[in-house]
Amino acid sequence: MNLLKNIFGSAKSETSFDFSSIGVDMHSHLIPSIDDGSKSIEESLELIKNLKEMGYKKLITTPHIMADRYKNTPEIINEGLKIIRKTLKDQHVEMEIDVAAEYLIDDGFLKKMESGKLMTMGDNFLLVELSYFSEPLNLNSILFELQINNYKVILAHPERYTYWHDNMDKYQDLYDRGIYLQLNINSLTGWYSKPSRVVAQKLIDKKLIKFLGSDTHNMVYLNELKKSGFSEYISKAMDSNKIMNFKLA
């Protein structure tokens, strides 16, 4: 086991994790041609089939919404969902799929928040992400505003925000404020970066993670997701009894 730790940075399980225990994947980009995820309905179908084979029972796909890049609307996203559902039916693929969105907290987000037309999942859970370059100056006030408007805020892949890597207290503060932290499973292999893997492991050790997401964009992501099943940390996250994906079923 020590040899494996030296090679991979953390111990590896001898058998792959059973993804059916997660049940619901709540972060992906499966609607074709509306963001940086799937590029075609054929690719979407392949991704969904693979997620099904891995054991997922339900998918909530979450296209990007960004003011300056992916200007998706609920109408665009729901139309894409219709196409996917029809394709699944035509191809006799049984998989429950729904939509929400992954909102970048940017200047455009404030206007969307005021409009009251944010796309949520489950019991009003709202998936948001931050810039990878710097924390928004008014982050705490925005999160509080969302909460007083009855949104349950899920922060996507906090382990990837490098400006917090040397400040683990920030993650604890967010958790204590009632923000739900969602880990990208692929972070456990070091696929994004070694520092992201280290922080991901620390967040699991501290039992701060509430949701696990694949963040699937294409088959490259999905193949890495399969490898992540051999990390001991995905099982450790599930064993914490903190993971809430089942609440989205």
C-alpha atoms as a PDB file:
ATOM      1  CA  MET A   1       0.000   0.000   0.000  1.00  0.00           C
ATOM      2  CA  ASN A   2       2.857   2.382   0.756  1.00  0.00           C
ATOM      3  CA  LEU A   3       4.230   1.775  -2.736  1.00  0.00           C
ATOM      4  CA  LEU A   4       0.870   2.740  -4.217  1.00  0.00           C
ATOM      5  CA  LYS A   5       0.852   5.897  -2.134  1.00  0.00           C
ATOM      6  CA  ASN A   6       4.275   6.805  -3.419  1.00  0.00           C
ATOM      7  CA  ILE A   7       3.198   6.299  -7.010  1.00  0.00           C
ATOM      8  CA  PHE A   8      -0.265   7.868  -6.944  1.00  0.00           C
ATOM      9  CA  GLY A   9      -0.135  10.242  -4.002  1.00  0.00           C
ATOM     10  CA  SER A  10      -2.898   8.392  -2.180  1.00  0.00           C
ATOM     11  CA  ALA A  11      -3.869   4.801  -1.669  1.00  0.00           C
ATOM     12  CA  LYS A  12      -5.812   3.117  -4.446  1.00  0.00           C
ATOM     13  CA  SER A  13      -8.654   0.681  -4.008  1.00  0.00           C
ATOM     14  CA  GLU A  14      -8.127  -2.708  -5.626  1.00  0.00           C
ATOM     15  CA  THR A  15     -11.656  -2.665  -7.036  1.00  0.00           C
ATOM     16  CA  SER A  16     -13.615   0.107  -8.685  1.00  0.00           C
ATOM     17  CA  PHE A  17     -16.206   2.079  -6.743  1.00  0.00           C
ATOM     18  CA  ASP A  18     -19.872   1.231  -7.312  1.00  0.00           C
ATOM     19  CA  PHE A  19     -21.256   4.472  -8.746  1.00  0.00           C
ATOM     20  CA  SER A  20     -24.807   3.244  -8.228  1.00  0.00           C
ATOM     21  CA  SER A  21     -24.379   4.178  -4.557  1.00  0.00           C
ATOM     22  CA  ILE A  22     -24.268   7.842  -5.645  1.00  0.00           C
ATOM     23  CA  GLY A  23     -27.417   7.297  -7.684  1.00  0.00           C
ATOM     24  CA  VAL A  24     -27.845  10.781  -9.130  1.00  0.00           C
ATOM     25  CA  ASP A  25     -25.208  12.651 -11.094  1.00  0.00           C
ATOM     26  CA  MET A  26     -26.047  16.307 -10.570  1.00  0.00           C
ATOM     27  CA  HIS A  27     -23.347  18.080 -12.594  1.00  0.00           C
ATOM     28  CA  SER A  28     -22.699  17.468 -16.293  1.00  0.00           C
ATOM     29  CA  HIS A  29     -22.813  19.080 -19.706  1.00  0.00           C
ATOM     30  CA  LEU A  30     -24.800  16.681 -21.871  1.00  0.00           C
ATOM     31  CA  ILE A  31     -27.049  18.934 -23.948  1.00  0.00           C
ATOM     32  CA  PRO A  32     -25.377  19.175 -27.352  1.00  0.00           C
ATOM     33  CA  SER A  33     -23.868  22.337 -28.781  1.00  0.00           C
ATOM     34  CA  ILE A  34     -24.893  24.880 -26.146  1.00  0.00           C
ATOM     35  CA  ASP A  35     -21.704  25.058 -24.070  1.00  0.00           C
ATOM     36  CA  ASP A  36     -18.290  23.372 -23.863  1.00  0.00           C
ATOM     37  CA  GLY A  37     -19.812  19.946 -23.277  1.00  0.00           C
ATOM     38  CA  SER A  38     -21.294  17.493 -25.765  1.00  0.00           C
ATOM     39  CA  LYS A  39     -20.987  18.594 -29.387  1.00  0.00           C
ATOM     40  CA  SER A  40     -23.698  16.385 -30.902  1.00  0.00           C
ATOM     41  CA  ILE A  41     -26.726  14.330 -29.947  1.00  0.00           C
ATOM     42  CA  GLU A  42     -24.727  11.224 -30.861  1.00  0.00           C
ATOM     43  CA  GLU A  43     -22.058  12.173 -28.335  1.00  0.00           C
ATOM     44  CA  SER A  44     -24.723  12.903 -25.719  1.00  0.00           C
ATOM     45  CA  LEU A  45     -26.214   9.462 -26.274  1.00  0.00           C
ATOM     46  CA  GLU A  46     -22.817   7.785 -25.900  1.00  0.00           C
ATOM     47  CA  LEU A  47     -22.114   9.662 -22.668  1.00  0.00           C
ATOM     48  CA  ILE A  48     -25.503   8.810 -21.192  1.00  0.00           C
ATOM     49  CA  LYS A  49     -25.129   5.134 -22.075  1.00  0.00           C
ATOM     50  CA  ASN A  50     -21.758   5.049 -20.345  1.00  0.00           C
ATOM     51  CA  LEU A  51     -23.069   6.791 -17.229  1.00  0.00           C
ATOM     52  CA  LYS A  52     -25.896   4.267 -17.127  1.00  0.00           C
ATOM     53  CA  GLU A  53     -23.431   1.375 -17.408  1.00  0.00           C
ATOM     54  CA  MET A  54     -21.455   2.835 -14.510  1.00  0.00           C
ATOM     55  CA  GLY A  55     -24.542   2.589 -12.321  1.00  0.00           C
ATOM     56  CA  TYR A  56     -26.074   6.060 -12.311  1.00  0.00           C
ATOM     57  CA  LYS A  57     -29.869   5.973 -12.039  1.00  0.00           C
ATOM     58  CA  LYS A  58     -30.652   9.615 -12.789  1.00  0.00           C
ATOM     59  CA  LEU A  59     -28.837  12.488 -14.475  1.00  0.00           C
ATOM     60  CA  ILE A  60     -29.358  16.192 -13.863  1.00  0.00           C
ATOM     61  CA  THR A  61     -27.413  17.953 -16.571  1.00  0.00           C
ATOM     62  CA  THR A  62     -26.301  21.511 -15.917  1.00  0.00           C
ATOM     63  CA  PRO A  63     -25.307  23.664 -18.915  1.00  0.00           C
ATOM     64  CA  HIS A  64     -23.139  26.689 -18.281  1.00  0.00           C
ATOM     65  CA  ILE A  65     -24.806  30.082 -18.070  1.00  0.00           C
ATOM     66  CA  MET A  66     -22.300  32.933 -18.381  1.00  0.00           C
ATOM     67  CA  ALA A  67     -22.886  36.559 -19.305  1.00  0.00           C
ATOM     68  CA  ASP A  68     -19.998  36.820 -21.757  1.00  0.00           C
ATOM     69  CA  ARG A  69     -19.785  33.322 -23.215  1.00  0.00           C
ATOM     70  CA  TYR A  70     -22.669  30.875 -22.845  1.00  0.00           C
ATOM     71  CA  LYS A  71     -25.826  32.968 -22.845  1.00  0.00           C
ATOM     72  CA  ASN A  72     -28.169  30.071 -22.294  1.00  0.00           C
ATOM     73  CA  THR A  73     -31.747  30.575 -21.154  1.00  0.00           C
ATOM     74  CA  PRO A  74     -34.274  28.196 -19.588  1.00  0.00           C
ATOM     75  CA  GLU A  75     -35.966  28.009 -22.995  1.00  0.00           C
ATOM     76  CA  ILE A  76     -32.768  26.939 -24.782  1.00  0.00           C
ATOM     77  CA  ILE A  77     -31.912  24.406 -22.097  1.00  0.00           C
ATOM     78  CA  ASN A  78     -35.386  22.881 -21.914  1.00  0.00           C
ATOM     79  CA  GLU A  79     -35.519  22.550 -25.691  1.00  0.00           C
ATOM     80  CA  GLY A  80     -32.239  20.633 -25.540  1.00  0.00           C
ATOM     81  CA  LEU A  81     -33.682  18.386 -22.854  1.00  0.00           C
ATOM     82  CA  LYS A  82     -36.625  17.538 -25.112  1.00  0.00           C
ATOM     83  CA  ILE A  83     -34.231  16.464 -27.867  1.00  0.00           C
ATOM     84  CA  ILE A  84     -32.252  14.240 -25.501  1.00  0.00           C
ATOM     85  CA  ARG A  85     -35.360  12.636 -24.028  1.00  0.00           C
ATOM     86  CA  LYS A  86     -36.757  11.903 -27.478  1.00  0.00           C
ATOM     87  CA  THR A  87     -33.451  10.381 -28.576  1.00  0.00           C
ATOM     88  CA  LEU A  88     -33.295   8.183 -25.480  1.00  0.00           C
ATOM     89  CA  LYS A  89     -36.840   6.999 -26.121  1.00  0.00           C
ATOM     90  CA  ASP A  90     -36.164   6.315 -29.802  1.00  0.00           C
ATOM     91  CA  GLN A  91     -32.996   4.379 -28.932  1.00  0.00           C
ATOM     92  CA  HIS A  92     -34.708   2.461 -26.099  1.00  0.00           C
ATOM     93  CA  VAL A  93     -32.284   3.780 -23.479  1.00  0.00           C
ATOM     94  CA  GLU A  94     -33.893   3.914 -20.051  1.00  0.00           C
ATOM     95  CA  MET A  95     -32.389   6.794 -18.101  1.00  0.00           C
ATOM     96  CA  GLU A  96     -34.150   9.514 -16.150  1.00  0.00           C
ATOM     97  CA  ILE A  97     -32.703  12.875 -17.113  1.00  0.00           C
ATOM     98  CA  ASP A  98     -33.558  16.389 -16.018  1.00  0.00           C
ATOM     99  CA  VAL A  99     -31.953  19.819 -16.264  1.00  0.00           C
ATOM    100  CA  ALA A 100     -30.822  22.692 -14.096  1.00  0.00           C
ATOM    101  CA  ALA A 101     -27.898  25.010 -14.846  1.00  0.00           C
ATOM    102  CA  GLU A 102     -24.414  25.889 -13.664  1.00  0.00           C
ATOM    103  CA  TYR A 103     -24.414  29.645 -13.108  1.00  0.00           C
ATOM    104  CA  LEU A 104     -21.196  31.615 -13.106  1.00  0.00           C
ATOM    105  CA  ILE A 105     -21.401  34.331 -10.469  1.00  0.00           C
ATOM    106  CA  ASP A 106     -20.622  37.288 -12.716  1.00  0.00           C
ATOM    107  CA  ASP A 107     -22.200  40.670 -13.455  1.00  0.00           C
ATOM    108  CA  GLY A 108     -24.923  39.030 -15.518  1.00  0.00           C
ATOM    109  CA  PHE A 109     -25.807  36.682 -12.684  1.00  0.00           C
ATOM    110  CA  LEU A 110     -27.021  39.549 -10.522  1.00  0.00           C
ATOM    111  CA  LYS A 111     -29.642  40.446 -13.134  1.00  0.00           C
ATOM    112  CA  LYS A 112     -30.733  36.819 -13.446  1.00  0.00           C
ATOM    113  CA  MET A 113     -31.032  36.563  -9.681  1.00  0.00           C
ATOM    114  CA  GLU A 114     -33.261  39.632  -9.594  1.00  0.00           C
ATOM    115  CA  SER A 115     -35.465  38.186 -12.342  1.00  0.00           C
ATOM    116  CA  GLY A 116     -36.275  35.162 -10.209  1.00  0.00           C
ATOM    117  CA  LYS A 117     -35.942  32.764 -13.153  1.00  0.00           C
ATOM    118  CA  LEU A 118     -33.030  30.656 -11.971  1.00  0.00           C
ATOM    119  CA  MET A 119     -32.987  26.968 -12.897  1.00  0.00           C
ATOM    120  CA  THR A 120     -32.774  24.723  -9.849  1.00  0.00           C
ATOM    121  CA  MET A 121     -32.763  21.024  -9.025  1.00  0.00           C
ATOM    122  CA  GLY A 122     -34.569  19.041  -6.352  1.00  0.00           C
ATOM    123  CA  ASP A 123     -35.819  21.138  -3.456  1.00  0.00           C
ATOM    124  CA  ASN A 124     -34.640  24.488  -4.874  1.00  0.00           C
ATOM    125  CA  PHE A 125     -30.936  23.610  -4.985  1.00  0.00           C
ATOM    126  CA  LEU A 126     -28.994  26.083  -7.136  1.00  0.00           C
ATOM    127  CA  LEU A 127     -25.619  25.185  -8.684  1.00  0.00           C
ATOM    128  CA  VAL A 128     -23.158  28.074  -8.972  1.00  0.00           C
ATOM    129  CA  GLU A 129     -19.501  28.375  -9.896  1.00  0.00           C
ATOM    130  CA  LEU A 130     -16.874  31.077  -9.485  1.00  0.00           C
ATOM    131  CA  SER A 131     -14.135  32.539 -11.620  1.00  0.00           C
ATOM    132  CA  TYR A 132     -10.930  30.505 -11.540  1.00  0.00           C
ATOM    133  CA  PHE A 133      -8.893  33.705 -11.298  1.00  0.00           C
ATOM    134  CA  SER A 134     -10.182  35.483  -8.209  1.00  0.00           C
ATOM    135  CA  GLU A 135     -12.963  35.372  -5.655  1.00  0.00           C
ATOM    136  CA  PRO A 136     -15.829  37.791  -6.375  1.00  0.00           C
ATOM    137  CA  LEU A 137     -15.507  40.784  -4.065  1.00  0.00           C
ATOM    138  CA  ASN A 138     -19.161  40.580  -3.052  1.00  0.00           C
ATOM    139  CA  LEU A 139     -19.381  36.776  -2.841  1.00  0.00           C
ATOM    140  CA  ASN A 140     -20.701  36.550   0.707  1.00  0.00           C
ATOM    141  CA  SER A 141     -23.445  39.108   0.091  1.00  0.00           C
ATOM    142  CA  ILE A 142     -24.550  37.342  -3.106  1.00  0.00           C
ATOM    143  CA  LEU A 143     -24.692  33.972  -1.370  1.00  0.00           C
ATOM    144  CA  PHE A 144     -26.667  35.487   1.504  1.00  0.00           C
ATOM    145  CA  GLU A 145     -29.093  37.137  -0.920  1.00  0.00           C
ATOM    146  CA  LEU A 146     -29.688  33.790  -2.593  1.00  0.00           C
ATOM    147  CA  GLN A 147     -30.306  32.116   0.732  1.00  0.00           C
ATOM    148  CA  ILE A 148     -32.840  34.674   1.942  1.00  0.00           C
ATOM    149  CA  ASN A 149     -34.660  34.074  -1.341  1.00  0.00           C
ATOM    150  CA  ASN A 150     -34.946  30.397  -0.395  1.00  0.00           C
ATOM    151  CA  TYR A 151     -32.256  29.015  -2.697  1.00  0.00           C
ATOM    152  CA  LYS A 152     -30.093  26.199  -1.358  1.00  0.00           C
ATOM    153  CA  VAL A 153     -26.748  27.099  -2.862  1.00  0.00           C
ATOM    154  CA  ILE A 154     -24.417  24.385  -4.162  1.00  0.00           C
ATOM    155  CA  LEU A 155     -20.911  25.626  -4.933  1.00  0.00           C
ATOM    156  CA  ALA A 156     -19.411  23.665  -7.822  1.00  0.00           C
ATOM    157  CA  HIS A 157     -15.889  22.211  -7.576  1.00  0.00           C
ATOM    158  CA  PRO A 158     -14.500  24.438  -4.769  1.00  0.00           C
ATOM    159  CA  GLU A 159     -11.321  22.347  -4.773  1.00  0.00           C
ATOM    160  CA  ARG A 160     -10.409  23.918  -8.119  1.00  0.00           C
ATOM    161  CA  TYR A 161     -10.336  27.534  -6.918  1.00  0.00           C
ATOM    162  CA  THR A 162      -6.606  27.987  -6.422  1.00  0.00           C
ATOM    163  CA  TYR A 163      -6.992  31.260  -4.504  1.00  0.00           C
ATOM    164  CA  TRP A 164      -8.398  29.254  -1.582  1.00  0.00           C
ATOM    165  CA  HIS A 165      -5.869  26.418  -1.609  1.00  0.00           C
ATOM    166  CA  ASP A 166      -3.829  27.908   1.227  1.00  0.00           C
ATOM    167  CA  ASN A 167      -6.876  28.871   3.254  1.00  0.00           C
ATOM    168  CA  MET A 168      -8.830  25.804   4.312  1.00  0.00           C
ATOM    169  CA  ASP A 169     -10.724  27.988   6.786  1.00  0.00           C
ATOM    170  CA  LYS A 170     -12.536  29.505   3.794  1.00  0.00           C
ATOM    171  CA  TYR A 171     -14.140  26.168   2.985  1.00  0.00           C
ATOM    172  CA  GLN A 172     -15.174  25.690   6.597  1.00  0.00           C
ATOM    173  CA  ASP A 173     -16.667  29.187   6.627  1.00  0.00           C
ATOM    174  CA  LEU A 174     -18.733  28.468   3.516  1.00  0.00           C
ATOM    175  CA  TYR A 175     -19.912  25.192   5.010  1.00  0.00           C
ATOM    176  CA  ASP A 176     -20.856  26.930   8.254  1.00  0.00           C
ATOM    177  CA  ARG A 177     -22.804  29.526   6.255  1.00  0.00           C
ATOM    178  CA  GLY A 178     -24.975  26.740   4.844  1.00  0.00           C
ATOM    179  CA  ILE A 179     -23.343  26.533   1.419  1.00  0.00           C
ATOM    180  CA  TYR A 180     -23.300  22.999  -0.001  1.00  0.00           C
ATOM    181  CA  LEU A 181     -19.887  22.079  -1.424  1.00  0.00           C
ATOM    182  CA  GLN A 182     -19.865  19.870  -4.546  1.00  0.00           C
ATOM    183  CA  LEU A 183     -16.695  17.970  -5.367  1.00  0.00           C
ATOM    184  CA  ASN A 184     -15.746  17.017  -8.919  1.00  0.00           C
ATOM    185  CA  ILE A 185     -14.978  13.310  -8.664  1.00  0.00           C
ATOM    186  CA  ASN A 186     -12.191  13.597 -11.241  1.00  0.00           C
ATOM    187  CA  SER A 187     -10.305  15.841  -8.834  1.00  0.00           C
ATOM    188  CA  LEU A 188      -9.503  12.697  -6.849  1.00  0.00           C
ATOM    189  CA  THR A 189      -7.145  11.442  -9.565  1.00  0.00           C
ATOM    190  CA  GLY A 190      -5.249  14.721  -9.854  1.00  0.00           C
ATOM    191  CA  TRP A 191      -6.602  15.124 -13.376  1.00  0.00           C
ATOM    192  CA  TYR A 192      -7.178  18.865 -13.017  1.00  0.00           C
ATOM    193  CA  SER A 193      -4.036  19.402 -10.936  1.00  0.00           C
ATOM    194  CA  LYS A 194      -2.164  17.877  -8.023  1.00  0.00           C
ATOM    195  CA  PRO A 195      -3.073  20.806  -5.703  1.00  0.00           C
ATOM    196  CA  SER A 196      -6.765  20.303  -6.533  1.00  0.00           C
ATOM    197  CA  ARG A 197      -6.443  16.636  -5.618  1.00  0.00           C
ATOM    198  CA  VAL A 198      -4.800  17.491  -2.311  1.00  0.00           C
ATOM    199  CA  VAL A 199      -7.541  19.981  -1.430  1.00  0.00           C
ATOM    200  CA  ALA A 200     -10.241  17.525  -2.536  1.00  0.00           C
ATOM    201  CA  GLN A 201      -8.834  14.936  -0.156  1.00  0.00           C
ATOM    202  CA  LYS A 202      -8.682  17.453   2.691  1.00  0.00           C
ATOM    203  CA  LEU A 203     -12.304  18.461   2.107  1.00  0.00           C
ATOM    204  CA  ILE A 204     -13.363  14.821   2.294  1.00  0.00           C
ATOM    205  CA  ASP A 205     -11.227  14.251   5.394  1.00  0.00           C
ATOM    206  CA  LYS A 206     -12.955  17.228   7.046  1.00  0.00           C
ATOM    207  CA  LYS A 207     -16.377  15.936   5.920  1.00  0.00           C
ATOM    208  CA  LEU A 208     -17.233  19.211   4.202  1.00  0.00           C
ATOM    209  CA  ILE A 209     -18.460  17.720   0.912  1.00  0.00           C
ATOM    210  CA  LYS A 210     -22.220  17.394   0.408  1.00  0.00           C
ATOM    211  CA  PHE A 211     -22.494  16.536  -3.290  1.00  0.00           C
ATOM    212  CA  LEU A 212     -20.396  14.550  -5.773  1.00  0.00           C
ATOM    213  CA  GLY A 213     -20.540  15.455  -9.464  1.00  0.00           C
ATOM    214  CA  SER A 214     -18.991  13.990 -12.599  1.00  0.00           C
ATOM    215  CA  ASP A 215     -18.878  17.323 -14.467  1.00  0.00           C
ATOM    216  CA  THR A 216     -18.895  15.180 -17.609  1.00  0.00           C
ATOM    217  CA  HIS A 217     -18.243  17.136 -20.810  1.00  0.00           C
ATOM    218  CA  ASN A 218     -17.063  14.391 -23.162  1.00  0.00           C
ATOM    219  CA  MET A 219     -15.581  10.889 -23.224  1.00  0.00           C
ATOM    220  CA  VAL A 220     -12.201  12.135 -22.012  1.00  0.00           C
ATOM    221  CA  TYR A 221     -13.865  13.308 -18.801  1.00  0.00           C
ATOM    222  CA  LEU A 222     -15.863  10.103 -18.556  1.00  0.00           C
ATOM    223  CA  ASN A 223     -12.868   7.811 -18.983  1.00  0.00           C
ATOM    224  CA  GLU A 224     -11.138   9.705 -16.174  1.00  0.00           C
ATOM    225  CA  LEU A 225     -14.279   9.322 -14.068  1.00  0.00           C
ATOM    226  CA  LYS A 226     -13.998   5.561 -14.428  1.00  0.00           C
ATOM    227  CA  LYS A 227     -10.391   5.728 -13.202  1.00  0.00           C
ATOM    228  CA  SER A 228     -11.468   7.795 -10.208  1.00  0.00           C
ATOM    229  CA  GLY A 229     -13.469   4.806  -9.039  1.00  0.00           C
ATOM    230  CA  PHE A 230     -10.209   3.282  -7.841  1.00  0.00           C
ATOM    231  CA  SER A 231      -9.479   6.137  -5.440  1.00  0.00           C
ATOM    232  CA  GLU A 232     -10.087   5.291  -1.803  1.00  0.00           C
ATOM    233  CA  TYR A 233     -11.406   8.814  -1.291  1.00  0.00           C
ATOM    234  CA  ILE A 234     -14.622   8.407  -3.242  1.00  0.00           C
ATOM    235  CA  SER A 235     -15.621   5.593  -0.891  1.00  0.00           C
ATOM    236  CA  LYS A 236     -14.462   7.674   2.063  1.00  0.00           C
ATOM    237  CA  ALA A 237     -16.752  10.492   0.930  1.00  0.00           C
ATOM    238  CA  MET A 238     -19.732   8.153   0.740  1.00  0.00           C
ATOM    239  CA  ASP A 239     -18.867   6.600   4.105  1.00  0.00           C
ATOM    240  CA  SER A 240     -19.018  10.059   5.707  1.00  0.00           C
ATOM    241  CA  ASN A 241     -22.830   9.909   5.474  1.00  0.00           C
ATOM    242  CA  LYS A 242     -22.745  13.551   4.365  1.00  0.00           C
ATOM    243  CA  ILE A 243     -23.372  13.050   0.635  1.00  0.00           C
ATOM    244  CA  MET A 244     -26.816  14.277  -0.421  1.00  0.00           C
ATOM    245  CA  ASN A 245     -27.113  13.272  -4.090  1.00  0.00           C
ATOM    246  CA  PHE A 246     -29.930  10.912  -3.136  1.00  0.00           C
ATOM    247  CA  LYS A 247     -32.096  13.905  -2.207  1.00  0.00           C
ATOM    248  CA  LEU A 248     -32.243  14.797  -5.911  1.00  0.00           C
ATOM    249  CA  ALA A 249     -33.746  11.446  -6.964  1.00  0.00           C
END
